Amino acid sequence: DLLSGGSDGLLCVLDTLRCEQGGKAVEDDAGLHLVMNTCDGIRNVCFASRDADIACTISTSEVLQMWNLNEQHRGSLCTRFDDVRCNPRLCVGESGGYMIGVLYDHASGRAGLLAGS
């Protein structure tokens, strides 16, 4: 599978094997496994779990969302953080911070947000 996101706000899971077949196998978006609408342009996509079943998106308006990709809850929104950039530890004067990405550490099983000011 291939995970992609873009300025249209859609987070898509593509069946790459089906897409390789081309023709009728991908007509009418048949190569799509799943489409999630984040309601905002996506500028960063990454994974935050050992089995890559949690996808994180950072939007063009600095909103962090976490999406479930496992079979039982596929496509559901786990959580949404709208105000990370307003965290006092990231603000300099009246300027808010920004998010760079989510990094997953396999050894500890924890994910962390990389952000700046």
PDB file of N, CA and C in Angstrom:
ATOM      1  N   ASP A   1       0.832  -1.192   0.000  1.00  0.00           N
ATOM      2  CA  ASP A   1       0.000   0.000   0.000  1.00  0.00           C
ATOM      3  C   ASP A   1       0.870   1.247   0.000  1.00  0.00           C
ATOM      4  N   LEU A   2       0.303   2.315  -0.515  1.00  0.00           N
ATOM      5  CA  LEU A   2       0.965   3.609  -0.560  1.00  0.00           C
ATOM      6  C   LEU A   2       0.039   4.630   0.085  1.00  0.00           C
ATOM      7  N   LEU A   3       0.589   5.414   1.018  1.00  0.00           N
ATOM      8  CA  LEU A   3      -0.170   6.462   1.684  1.00  0.00           C
ATOM      9  C   LEU A   3       0.226   7.798   1.083  1.00  0.00           C
ATOM     10  N   SER A   4      -0.763   8.601   0.700  1.00  0.00           N
ATOM     11  CA  SER A   4      -0.452   9.917   0.121  1.00  0.00           C
ATOM     12  C   SER A   4      -1.458  10.949   0.619  1.00  0.00           C
ATOM     13  N   GLY A   5      -1.012  12.189   0.629  1.00  0.00           N
ATOM     14  CA  GLY A   5      -1.870  13.300   1.021  1.00  0.00           C
ATOM     15  C   GLY A   5      -1.465  14.526   0.238  1.00  0.00           C
ATOM     16  N   GLY A   6      -2.380  15.475   0.102  1.00  0.00           N
ATOM     17  CA  GLY A   6      -2.052  16.664  -0.678  1.00  0.00           C
ATOM     18  C   GLY A   6      -2.879  17.869  -0.303  1.00  0.00           C
ATOM     19  N   SER A   7      -2.786  18.875  -1.133  1.00  0.00           N
ATOM     20  CA  SER A   7      -3.445  20.155  -0.861  1.00  0.00           C
ATOM     21  C   SER A   7      -4.970  20.058  -0.869  1.00  0.00           C
ATOM     22  N   ASP A   8      -5.518  18.977  -1.425  1.00  0.00           N
ATOM     23  CA  ASP A   8      -6.981  18.811  -1.419  1.00  0.00           C
ATOM     24  C   ASP A   8      -7.503  18.300  -0.077  1.00  0.00           C
ATOM     25  N   GLY A   9      -6.600  17.967   0.847  1.00  0.00           N
ATOM     26  CA  GLY A   9      -6.995  17.502   2.164  1.00  0.00           C
ATOM     27  C   GLY A   9      -7.337  16.026   2.244  1.00  0.00           C
ATOM     28  N   LEU A  10      -7.161  15.294   1.155  1.00  0.00           N
ATOM     29  CA  LEU A  10      -7.483  13.872   1.151  1.00  0.00           C
ATOM     30  C   LEU A  10      -6.254  13.038   1.477  1.00  0.00           C
ATOM     31  N   LEU A  11      -6.402  12.158   2.453  1.00  0.00           N
ATOM     32  CA  LEU A  11      -5.379  11.192   2.825  1.00  0.00           C
ATOM     33  C   LEU A  11      -5.822   9.870   2.207  1.00  0.00           C
ATOM     34  N   CYS A  12      -5.027   9.351   1.274  1.00  0.00           N
ATOM     35  CA  CYS A  12      -5.430   8.187   0.474  1.00  0.00           C
ATOM     36  C   CYS A  12      -4.503   7.002   0.701  1.00  0.00           C
ATOM     37  N   VAL A  13      -5.096   5.813   0.773  1.00  0.00           N
ATOM     38  CA  VAL A  13      -4.337   4.565   0.808  1.00  0.00           C
ATOM     39  C   VAL A  13      -4.591   3.870  -0.523  1.00  0.00           C
ATOM     40  N   LEU A  14      -3.524   3.691  -1.290  1.00  0.00           N
ATOM     41  CA  LEU A  14      -3.627   3.084  -2.617  1.00  0.00           C
ATOM     42  C   LEU A  14      -3.143   1.641  -2.603  1.00  0.00           C
ATOM     43  N   ASP A  15      -3.826   0.797  -3.338  1.00  0.00           N
ATOM     44  CA  ASP A  15      -3.403  -0.588  -3.546  1.00  0.00           C
ATOM     45  C   ASP A  15      -2.412  -0.578  -4.703  1.00  0.00           C
ATOM     46  N   THR A  16      -1.127  -0.586  -4.401  1.00  0.00           N
ATOM     47  CA  THR A  16      -0.108  -0.455  -5.439  1.00  0.00           C
ATOM     48  C   THR A  16      -0.093  -1.649  -6.393  1.00  0.00           C
ATOM     49  N   LEU A  17      -0.394  -2.847  -5.906  1.00  0.00           N
ATOM     50  CA  LEU A  17      -0.417  -4.013  -6.795  1.00  0.00           C
ATOM     51  C   LEU A  17      -1.524  -3.880  -7.834  1.00  0.00           C
ATOM     52  N   ARG A  18      -2.678  -3.414  -7.394  1.00  0.00           N
ATOM     53  CA  ARG A  18      -3.794  -3.224  -8.324  1.00  0.00           C
ATOM     54  C   ARG A  18      -3.487  -2.098  -9.307  1.00  0.00           C
ATOM     55  N   CYS A  19      -2.865  -1.037  -8.817  1.00  0.00           N
ATOM     56  CA  CYS A  19      -2.532   0.100  -9.681  1.00  0.00           C
ATOM     57  C   CYS A  19      -1.527  -0.291 -10.757  1.00  0.00           C
ATOM     58  N   GLU A  20      -0.628  -1.215 -10.448  1.00  0.00           N
ATOM     59  CA  GLU A  20       0.340  -1.683 -11.443  1.00  0.00           C
ATOM     60  C   GLU A  20      -0.338  -2.381 -12.614  1.00  0.00           C
ATOM     61  N   GLN A  21      -1.494  -2.989 -12.367  1.00  0.00           N
ATOM     62  CA  GLN A  21      -2.216  -3.698 -13.425  1.00  0.00           C
ATOM     63  C   GLN A  21      -2.766  -2.726 -14.461  1.00  0.00           C
ATOM     64  N   GLY A  22      -3.172  -1.524 -13.996  1.00  0.00           N
ATOM     65  CA  GLY A  22      -3.705  -0.514 -14.906  1.00  0.00           C
ATOM     66  C   GLY A  22      -5.040  -0.917 -15.503  1.00  0.00           C
ATOM     67  N   GLY A  23      -5.448  -0.204 -16.520  1.00  0.00           N
ATOM     68  CA  GLY A  23      -6.688  -0.513 -17.238  1.00  0.00           C
ATOM     69  C   GLY A  23      -7.908  -0.553 -16.342  1.00  0.00           C
ATOM     70  N   LYS A  24      -8.737  -1.589 -16.530  1.00  0.00           N
ATOM     71  CA  LYS A  24      -9.982  -1.740 -15.785  1.00  0.00           C
ATOM     72  C   LYS A  24      -9.752  -1.905 -14.283  1.00  0.00           C
ATOM     73  N   ALA A  25      -8.569  -2.394 -13.902  1.00  0.00           N
ATOM     74  CA  ALA A  25      -8.271  -2.616 -12.485  1.00  0.00           C
ATOM     75  C   ALA A  25      -8.259  -1.324 -11.684  1.00  0.00           C
ATOM     76  N   VAL A  26      -8.086  -0.192 -12.355  1.00  0.00           N
ATOM     77  CA  VAL A  26      -8.036   1.083 -11.636  1.00  0.00           C
ATOM     78  C   VAL A  26      -9.069   2.097 -12.120  1.00  0.00           C
ATOM     79  N   GLU A  27     -10.004   1.668 -12.942  1.00  0.00           N
ATOM     80  CA  GLU A  27     -11.060   2.576 -13.390  1.00  0.00           C
ATOM     81  C   GLU A  27     -11.927   2.990 -12.211  1.00  0.00           C
ATOM     82  N   ASP A  28     -12.439   4.202 -12.262  1.00  0.00           N
ATOM     83  CA  ASP A  28     -13.322   4.732 -11.217  1.00  0.00           C
ATOM     84  C   ASP A  28     -12.693   4.627  -9.833  1.00  0.00           C
ATOM     85  N   ASP A  29     -11.393   4.904  -9.747  1.00  0.00           N
ATOM     86  CA  ASP A  29     -10.668   4.907  -8.471  1.00  0.00           C
ATOM     87  C   ASP A  29     -10.655   3.552  -7.774  1.00  0.00           C
ATOM     88  N   ALA A  30     -10.734   2.462  -8.527  1.00  0.00           N
ATOM     89  CA  ALA A  30     -10.749   1.127  -7.936  1.00  0.00           C
ATOM     90  C   ALA A  30      -9.435   0.787  -7.235  1.00  0.00           C
ATOM     91  N   GLY A  31      -8.365   1.520  -7.518  1.00  0.00           N
ATOM     92  CA  GLY A  31      -7.088   1.275  -6.856  1.00  0.00           C
ATOM     93  C   GLY A  31      -7.014   1.858  -5.457  1.00  0.00           C
ATOM     94  N   LEU A  32      -8.034   2.599  -5.058  1.00  0.00           N
ATOM     95  CA  LEU A  32      -8.051   3.204  -3.721  1.00  0.00           C
ATOM     96  C   LEU A  32      -8.584   2.213  -2.694  1.00  0.00           C
ATOM     97  N   HIS A  33      -7.814   2.005  -1.639  1.00  0.00           N
ATOM     98  CA  HIS A  33      -8.300   1.200  -0.506  1.00  0.00           C
ATOM     99  C   HIS A  33      -9.165   2.046   0.413  1.00  0.00           C
ATOM    100  N   LEU A  34      -8.708   3.287   0.637  1.00  0.00           N
ATOM    101  CA  LEU A  34      -9.325   4.126   1.649  1.00  0.00           C
ATOM    102  C   LEU A  34      -9.038   5.586   1.348  1.00  0.00           C
ATOM    103  N   VAL A  35     -10.026   6.446   1.587  1.00  0.00           N
ATOM    104  CA  VAL A  35      -9.854   7.889   1.438  1.00  0.00           C
ATOM    105  C   VAL A  35     -10.426   8.553   2.690  1.00  0.00           C
ATOM    106  N   MET A  36      -9.608   9.387   3.329  1.00  0.00           N
ATOM    107  CA  MET A  36     -10.032  10.121   4.523  1.00  0.00           C
ATOM    108  C   MET A  36      -9.926  11.614   4.229  1.00  0.00           C
ATOM    109  N   ASN A  37     -10.936  12.371   4.599  1.00  0.00           N
ATOM    110  CA  ASN A  37     -10.940  13.809   4.364  1.00  0.00           C
ATOM    111  C   ASN A  37     -10.494  14.519   5.639  1.00  0.00           C
ATOM    112  N   THR A  38      -9.312  15.132   5.593  1.00  0.00           N
ATOM    113  CA  THR A  38      -8.788  15.843   6.754  1.00  0.00           C
ATOM    114  C   THR A  38      -9.349  17.255   6.857  1.00  0.00           C
ATOM    115  N   CYS A  39     -10.048  17.718   5.832  1.00  0.00           N
ATOM    116  CA  CYS A  39     -10.667  19.055   5.780  1.00  0.00           C
ATOM    117  C   CYS A  39      -9.640  20.183   5.783  1.00  0.00           C
ATOM    118  N   ASP A  40      -8.407  19.884   5.416  1.00  0.00           N
ATOM    119  CA  ASP A  40      -7.366  20.907   5.354  1.00  0.00           C
ATOM    120  C   ASP A  40      -6.235  20.368   4.483  1.00  0.00           C
ATOM    121  N   GLY A  41      -5.515  21.238   3.812  1.00  0.00           N
ATOM    122  CA  GLY A  41      -4.396  20.806   2.987  1.00  0.00           C
ATOM    123  C   GLY A  41      -3.346  20.073   3.821  1.00  0.00           C
ATOM    124  N   ILE A  42      -2.820  18.998   3.292  1.00  0.00           N
ATOM    125  CA  ILE A  42      -1.833  18.185   4.011  1.00  0.00           C
ATOM    126  C   ILE A  42      -0.436  18.534   3.500  1.00  0.00           C
ATOM    127  N   ARG A  43       0.480  18.858   4.420  1.00  0.00           N
ATOM    128  CA  ARG A  43       1.851  19.146   4.007  1.00  0.00           C
ATOM    129  C   ARG A  43       2.849  18.108   4.512  1.00  0.00           C
ATOM    130  N   ASN A  44       2.425  17.228   5.447  1.00  0.00           N
ATOM    131  CA  ASN A  44       3.318  16.197   5.961  1.00  0.00           C
ATOM    132  C   ASN A  44       2.505  14.980   6.363  1.00  0.00           C
ATOM    133  N   VAL A  45       2.997  13.796   5.990  1.00  0.00           N
ATOM    134  CA  VAL A  45       2.374  12.532   6.378  1.00  0.00           C
ATOM    135  C   VAL A  45       3.466  11.633   6.936  1.00  0.00           C
ATOM    136  N   CYS A  46       3.191  10.991   8.063  1.00  0.00           N
ATOM    137  CA  CYS A  46       4.151  10.047   8.638  1.00  0.00           C
ATOM    138  C   CYS A  46       3.395   9.027   9.483  1.00  0.00           C
ATOM    139  N   PHE A  47       4.120   8.039   9.977  1.00  0.00           N
ATOM    140  CA  PHE A  47       3.518   6.981  10.783  1.00  0.00           C
ATOM    141  C   PHE A  47       3.957   7.116  12.231  1.00  0.00           C
ATOM    142  N   ALA A  48       3.079   6.696  13.154  1.00  0.00           N
ATOM    143  CA  ALA A  48       3.376   6.824  14.582  1.00  0.00           C
ATOM    144  C   ALA A  48       3.058   5.543  15.340  1.00  0.00           C
ATOM    145  N   SER A  49       3.377   4.401  14.750  1.00  0.00           N
ATOM    146  CA  SER A  49       3.155   3.135  15.455  1.00  0.00           C
ATOM    147  C   SER A  49       4.040   2.055  14.849  1.00  0.00           C
ATOM    148  N   ARG A  50       4.258   1.033  15.626  1.00  0.00           N
ATOM    149  CA  ARG A  50       5.135  -0.066  15.233  1.00  0.00           C
ATOM    150  C   ARG A  50       4.698  -0.722  13.923  1.00  0.00           C
ATOM    151  N   ASP A  51       3.405  -0.916  13.755  1.00  0.00           N
ATOM    152  CA  ASP A  51       2.884  -1.605  12.567  1.00  0.00           C
ATOM    153  C   ASP A  51       2.397  -0.651  11.482  1.00  0.00           C
ATOM    154  N   ALA A  52       2.735   0.615  11.592  1.00  0.00           N
ATOM    155  CA  ALA A  52       2.320   1.644  10.624  1.00  0.00           C
ATOM    156  C   ALA A  52       0.800   1.693  10.477  1.00  0.00           C
ATOM    157  N   ASP A  53       0.082   1.481  11.593  1.00  0.00           N
ATOM    158  CA  ASP A  53      -1.375   1.535  11.517  1.00  0.00           C
ATOM    159  C   ASP A  53      -1.955   2.833  12.094  1.00  0.00           C
ATOM    160  N   ILE A  54      -1.084   3.776  12.439  1.00  0.00           N
ATOM    161  CA  ILE A  54      -1.509   5.126  12.810  1.00  0.00           C
ATOM    162  C   ILE A  54      -0.782   6.097  11.886  1.00  0.00           C
ATOM    163  N   ALA A  55      -1.536   6.844  11.114  1.00  0.00           N
ATOM    164  CA  ALA A  55      -0.953   7.851  10.220  1.00  0.00           C
ATOM    165  C   ALA A  55      -1.158   9.224  10.844  1.00  0.00           C
ATOM    166  N   CYS A  56      -0.118  10.036  10.781  1.00  0.00           N
ATOM    167  CA  CYS A  56      -0.194  11.408  11.284  1.00  0.00           C
ATOM    168  C   CYS A  56      -0.130  12.362  10.103  1.00  0.00           C
ATOM    169  N   THR A  57      -0.968  13.373  10.144  1.00  0.00           N
ATOM    170  CA  THR A  57      -0.912  14.415   9.126  1.00  0.00           C
ATOM    171  C   THR A  57      -0.693  15.755   9.822  1.00  0.00           C
ATOM    172  N   ILE A  58       0.109  16.587   9.184  1.00  0.00           N
ATOM    173  CA  ILE A  58       0.256  17.976   9.613  1.00  0.00           C
ATOM    174  C   ILE A  58      -0.262  18.808   8.450  1.00  0.00           C
ATOM    175  N   SER A  59      -1.202  19.681   8.765  1.00  0.00           N
ATOM    176  CA  SER A  59      -1.855  20.460   7.708  1.00  0.00           C
ATOM    177  C   SER A  59      -1.092  21.745   7.423  1.00  0.00           C
ATOM    178  N   THR A  60      -1.494  22.386   6.357  1.00  0.00           N
ATOM    179  CA  THR A  60      -0.903  23.667   5.985  1.00  0.00           C
ATOM    180  C   THR A  60      -1.254  24.760   6.988  1.00  0.00           C
ATOM    181  N   SER A  61      -2.248  24.517   7.847  1.00  0.00           N
ATOM    182  CA  SER A  61      -2.605  25.477   8.899  1.00  0.00           C
ATOM    183  C   SER A  61      -2.133  25.002  10.276  1.00  0.00           C
ATOM    184  N   GLU A  62      -1.140  24.085  10.291  1.00  0.00           N
ATOM    185  CA  GLU A  62      -0.499  23.609  11.522  1.00  0.00           C
ATOM    186  C   GLU A  62      -1.448  22.849  12.449  1.00  0.00           C
ATOM    187  N   VAL A  63      -2.297  21.985  11.891  1.00  0.00           N
ATOM    188  CA  VAL A  63      -3.156  21.111  12.672  1.00  0.00           C
ATOM    189  C   VAL A  63      -2.590  19.693  12.557  1.00  0.00           C
ATOM    190  N   LEU A  64      -2.417  19.039  13.710  1.00  0.00           N
ATOM    191  CA  LEU A  64      -1.938  17.659  13.750  1.00  0.00           C
ATOM    192  C   LEU A  64      -3.134  16.729  13.924  1.00  0.00           C
ATOM    193  N   GLN A  65      -3.240  15.750  13.036  1.00  0.00           N
ATOM    194  CA  GLN A  65      -4.300  14.743  13.145  1.00  0.00           C
ATOM    195  C   GLN A  65      -3.669  13.366  13.111  1.00  0.00           C
ATOM    196  N   MET A  66      -4.286  12.422  13.836  1.00  0.00           N
ATOM    197  CA  MET A  66      -3.829  11.037  13.838  1.00  0.00           C
ATOM    198  C   MET A  66      -4.990  10.163  13.373  1.00  0.00           C
ATOM    199  N   TRP A  67      -4.707   9.314  12.369  1.00  0.00           N
ATOM    200  CA  TRP A  67      -5.726   8.496  11.722  1.00  0.00           C
ATOM    201  C   TRP A  67      -5.433   7.018  11.910  1.00  0.00           C
ATOM    202  N   ASN A  68      -6.481   6.242  12.159  1.00  0.00           N
ATOM    203  CA  ASN A  68      -6.345   4.808  12.365  1.00  0.00           C
ATOM    204  C   ASN A  68      -6.368   4.088  11.018  1.00  0.00           C
ATOM    205  N   LEU A  69      -5.370   3.251  10.775  1.00  0.00           N
ATOM    206  CA  LEU A  69      -5.312   2.487   9.527  1.00  0.00           C
ATOM    207  C   LEU A  69      -5.465   0.988   9.738  1.00  0.00           C
ATOM    208  N   ASN A  70      -5.658   0.548  10.997  1.00  0.00           N
ATOM    209  CA  ASN A  70      -5.801  -0.901  11.209  1.00  0.00           C
ATOM    210  C   ASN A  70      -7.165  -1.371  10.702  1.00  0.00           C
ATOM    211  N   GLU A  71      -7.283  -2.647  10.479  1.00  0.00           N
ATOM    212  CA  GLU A  71      -8.481  -3.204   9.838  1.00  0.00           C
ATOM    213  C   GLU A  71      -9.768  -2.957  10.630  1.00  0.00           C
ATOM    214  N   GLN A  72      -9.706  -2.990  11.959  1.00  0.00           N
ATOM    215  CA  GLN A  72     -10.923  -2.853  12.771  1.00  0.00           C
ATOM    216  C   GLN A  72     -11.516  -1.448  12.741  1.00  0.00           C
ATOM    217  N   HIS A  73     -10.671  -0.433  12.711  1.00  0.00           N
ATOM    218  CA  HIS A  73     -11.160   0.950  12.785  1.00  0.00           C
ATOM    219  C   HIS A  73     -10.629   1.792  11.635  1.00  0.00           C
ATOM    220  N   ARG A  74     -10.402   1.167  10.528  1.00  0.00           N
ATOM    221  CA  ARG A  74      -9.757   1.808   9.380  1.00  0.00           C
ATOM    222  C   ARG A  74     -10.474   3.083   8.947  1.00  0.00           C
ATOM    223  N   GLY A  75      -9.696   4.163   8.895  1.00  0.00           N
ATOM    224  CA  GLY A  75     -10.224   5.429   8.424  1.00  0.00           C
ATOM    225  C   GLY A  75     -10.785   6.336   9.504  1.00  0.00           C
ATOM    226  N   SER A  76     -10.779   5.887  10.750  1.00  0.00           N
ATOM    227  CA  SER A  76     -11.338   6.733  11.812  1.00  0.00           C
ATOM    228  C   SER A  76     -10.277   7.696  12.349  1.00  0.00           C
ATOM    229  N   LEU A  77     -10.730   8.868  12.729  1.00  0.00           N
ATOM    230  CA  LEU A  77      -9.850   9.884  13.307  1.00  0.00           C
ATOM    231  C   LEU A  77      -9.613   9.535  14.762  1.00  0.00           C
ATOM    232  N   CYS A  78      -8.347   9.355  15.135  1.00  0.00           N
ATOM    233  CA  CYS A  78      -8.001   9.043  16.527  1.00  0.00           C
ATOM    234  C   CYS A  78      -8.032  10.300  17.384  1.00  0.00           C
ATOM    235  N   THR A  79      -7.380  11.352  16.896  1.00  0.00           N
ATOM    236  CA  THR A  79      -7.325  12.598  17.647  1.00  0.00           C
ATOM    237  C   THR A  79      -6.910  13.739  16.726  1.00  0.00           C
ATOM    238  N   ARG A  80      -7.142  14.940  17.210  1.00  0.00           N
ATOM    239  CA  ARG A  80      -6.840  16.145  16.439  1.00  0.00           C
ATOM    240  C   ARG A  80      -6.322  17.210  17.411  1.00  0.00           C
ATOM    241  N   PHE A  81      -5.209  17.844  17.061  1.00  0.00           N
ATOM    242  CA  PHE A  81      -4.626  18.902  17.879  1.00  0.00           C
ATOM    243  C   PHE A  81      -4.601  20.182  17.051  1.00  0.00           C
ATOM    244  N   ASP A  82      -5.485  21.117  17.396  1.00  0.00           N
ATOM    245  CA  ASP A  82      -5.624  22.357  16.629  1.00  0.00           C
ATOM    246  C   ASP A  82      -4.685  23.464  17.072  1.00  0.00           C
ATOM    247  N   ASP A  83      -4.216  23.414  18.308  1.00  0.00           N
ATOM    248  CA  ASP A  83      -3.528  24.575  18.863  1.00  0.00           C
ATOM    249  C   ASP A  83      -2.082  24.316  19.290  1.00  0.00           C
ATOM    250  N   VAL A  84      -1.421  23.362  18.697  1.00  0.00           N
ATOM    251  CA  VAL A  84      -0.034  23.078  19.050  1.00  0.00           C
ATOM    252  C   VAL A  84       0.838  24.307  18.837  1.00  0.00           C
ATOM    253  N   ARG A  85       0.633  25.005  17.763  1.00  0.00           N
ATOM    254  CA  ARG A  85       1.493  26.161  17.451  1.00  0.00           C
ATOM    255  C   ARG A  85       1.346  27.291  18.464  1.00  0.00           C
ATOM    256  N   CYS A  86       0.276  27.273  19.262  1.00  0.00           N
ATOM    257  CA  CYS A  86       0.056  28.297  20.281  1.00  0.00           C
ATOM    258  C   CYS A  86       0.626  27.907  21.641  1.00  0.00           C
ATOM    259  N   ASN A  87       1.246  26.751  21.736  1.00  0.00           N
ATOM    260  CA  ASN A  87       1.854  26.319  22.984  1.00  0.00           C
ATOM    261  C   ASN A  87       2.915  27.344  23.387  1.00  0.00           C
ATOM    262  N   PRO A  88       2.877  27.823  24.633  1.00  0.00           N
ATOM    263  CA  PRO A  88       3.832  28.854  25.069  1.00  0.00           C
ATOM    264  C   PRO A  88       5.301  28.469  24.869  1.00  0.00           C
ATOM    265  N   ARG A  89       5.614  27.185  24.899  1.00  0.00           N
ATOM    266  CA  ARG A  89       7.005  26.758  24.694  1.00  0.00           C
ATOM    267  C   ARG A  89       7.460  26.929  23.250  1.00  0.00           C
ATOM    268  N   LEU A  90       6.513  27.141  22.327  1.00  0.00           N
ATOM    269  CA  LEU A  90       6.854  27.319  20.920  1.00  0.00           C
ATOM    270  C   LEU A  90       6.735  28.767  20.457  1.00  0.00           C
ATOM    271  N   CYS A  91       6.075  29.596  21.236  1.00  0.00           N
ATOM    272  CA  CYS A  91       5.843  30.984  20.826  1.00  0.00           C
ATOM    273  C   CYS A  91       7.049  31.869  21.124  1.00  0.00           C
ATOM    274  N   VAL A  92       7.311  32.773  20.212  1.00  0.00           N
ATOM    275  CA  VAL A  92       8.323  33.810  20.394  1.00  0.00           C
ATOM    276  C   VAL A  92       7.615  35.131  20.156  1.00  0.00           C
ATOM    277  N   GLY A  93       7.436  35.877  21.225  1.00  0.00           N
ATOM    278  CA  GLY A  93       6.656  37.103  21.115  1.00  0.00           C
ATOM    279  C   GLY A  93       5.230  36.765  20.717  1.00  0.00           C
ATOM    280  N   GLU A  94       4.771  37.395  19.650  1.00  0.00           N
ATOM    281  CA  GLU A  94       3.420  37.121  19.163  1.00  0.00           C
ATOM    282  C   GLU A  94       3.390  36.073  18.062  1.00  0.00           C
ATOM    283  N   SER A  95       4.551  35.532  17.727  1.00  0.00           N
ATOM    284  CA  SER A  95       4.630  34.521  16.664  1.00  0.00           C
ATOM    285  C   SER A  95       4.447  33.123  17.235  1.00  0.00           C
ATOM    286  N   GLY A  96       3.579  32.376  16.589  1.00  0.00           N
ATOM    287  CA  GLY A  96       3.360  30.990  16.996  1.00  0.00           C
ATOM    288  C   GLY A  96       4.436  30.078  16.437  1.00  0.00           C
ATOM    289  N   GLY A  97       4.485  28.864  16.952  1.00  0.00           N
ATOM    290  CA  GLY A  97       5.451  27.883  16.490  1.00  0.00           C
ATOM    291  C   GLY A  97       4.985  27.163  15.239  1.00  0.00           C
ATOM    292  N   TYR A  98       5.727  26.144  14.863  1.00  0.00           N
ATOM    293  CA  TYR A  98       5.370  25.338  13.694  1.00  0.00           C
ATOM    294  C   TYR A  98       5.764  23.886  13.943  1.00  0.00           C
ATOM    295  N   MET A  99       5.115  22.995  13.221  1.00  0.00           N
ATOM    296  CA  MET A  99       5.394  21.569  13.355  1.00  0.00           C
ATOM    297  C   MET A  99       6.217  21.101  12.162  1.00  0.00           C
ATOM    298  N   ILE A 100       7.177  20.227  12.445  1.00  0.00           N
ATOM    299  CA  ILE A 100       8.022  19.669  11.392  1.00  0.00           C
ATOM    300  C   ILE A 100       7.566  18.268  11.032  1.00  0.00           C
ATOM    301  N   GLY A 101       7.335  17.435  12.023  1.00  0.00           N
ATOM    302  CA  GLY A 101       6.907  16.073  11.752  1.00  0.00           C
ATOM    303  C   GLY A 101       6.778  15.257  13.029  1.00  0.00           C
ATOM    304  N   VAL A 102       6.255  14.064  12.882  1.00  0.00           N
ATOM    305  CA  VAL A 102       6.136  13.118  13.986  1.00  0.00           C
ATOM    306  C   VAL A 102       7.171  12.035  13.749  1.00  0.00           C
ATOM    307  N   LEU A 103       7.947  11.743  14.781  1.00  0.00           N
ATOM    308  CA  LEU A 103       8.994  10.732  14.691  1.00  0.00           C
ATOM    309  C   LEU A 103       8.626   9.565  15.596  1.00  0.00           C
ATOM    310  N   TYR A 104       8.713   8.348  15.062  1.00  0.00           N
ATOM    311  CA  TYR A 104       8.393   7.157  15.845  1.00  0.00           C
ATOM    312  C   TYR A 104       9.682   6.429  16.202  1.00  0.00           C
ATOM    313  N   ASP A 105       9.828   6.085  17.480  1.00  0.00           N
ATOM    314  CA  ASP A 105      10.989   5.349  17.970  1.00  0.00           C
ATOM    315  C   ASP A 105      10.595   3.895  18.210  1.00  0.00           C
ATOM    316  N   HIS A 106      11.101   2.985  17.386  1.00  0.00           N
ATOM    317  CA  HIS A 106      10.743   1.566  17.499  1.00  0.00           C
ATOM    318  C   HIS A 106      11.191   0.963  18.819  1.00  0.00           C
ATOM    319  N   ALA A 107      12.346   1.374  19.327  1.00  0.00           N
ATOM    320  CA  ALA A 107      12.876   0.805  20.568  1.00  0.00           C
ATOM    321  C   ALA A 107      11.952   1.066  21.754  1.00  0.00           C
ATOM    322  N   SER A 108      11.449   2.290  21.871  1.00  0.00           N
ATOM    323  CA  SER A 108      10.586   2.628  23.014  1.00  0.00           C
ATOM    324  C   SER A 108       9.108   2.445  22.703  1.00  0.00           C
ATOM    325  N   GLY A 109       8.744   2.401  21.425  1.00  0.00           N
ATOM    326  CA  GLY A 109       7.341   2.306  21.047  1.00  0.00           C
ATOM    327  C   GLY A 109       6.585   3.612  21.217  1.00  0.00           C
ATOM    328  N   ARG A 110       7.333   4.716  21.246  1.00  0.00           N
ATOM    329  CA  ARG A 110       6.704   6.028  21.450  1.00  0.00           C
ATOM    330  C   ARG A 110       6.942   6.922  20.239  1.00  0.00           C
ATOM    331  N   ALA A 111       5.982   7.831  20.045  1.00  0.00           N
ATOM    332  CA  ALA A 111       6.088   8.826  18.979  1.00  0.00           C
ATOM    333  C   ALA A 111       6.242  10.200  19.616  1.00  0.00           C
ATOM    334  N   GLY A 112       6.971  11.061  18.951  1.00  0.00           N
ATOM    335  CA  GLY A 112       7.143  12.424  19.452  1.00  0.00           C
ATOM    336  C   GLY A 112       6.973  13.420  18.316  1.00  0.00           C
ATOM    337  N   LEU A 113       6.553  14.602  18.668  1.00  0.00           N
ATOM    338  CA  LEU A 113       6.356  15.673  17.700  1.00  0.00           C
ATOM    339  C   LEU A 113       7.584  16.560  17.676  1.00  0.00           C
ATOM    340  N   LEU A 114       8.120  16.776  16.498  1.00  0.00           N
ATOM    341  CA  LEU A 114       9.224  17.700  16.311  1.00  0.00           C
ATOM    342  C   LEU A 114       8.631  19.026  15.870  1.00  0.00           C
ATOM    343  N   ALA A 115       8.911  20.068  16.656  1.00  0.00           N
ATOM    344  CA  ALA A 115       8.337  21.388  16.381  1.00  0.00           C
ATOM    345  C   ALA A 115       9.390  22.453  16.606  1.00  0.00           C
ATOM    346  N   GLY A 116       9.137  23.635  16.096  1.00  0.00           N
ATOM    347  CA  GLY A 116      10.094  24.729  16.259  1.00  0.00           C
ATOM    348  C   GLY A 116       9.388  26.048  16.484  1.00  0.00           C
ATOM    349  N   SER A 117      10.213  27.068  16.722  1.00  0.00           N
ATOM    350  CA  SER A 117       9.659  28.401  16.942  1.00  0.00           C
ATOM    351  C   SER A 117      10.394  29.418  16.092  1.00  0.00           C
TER     352      SER A 117
END
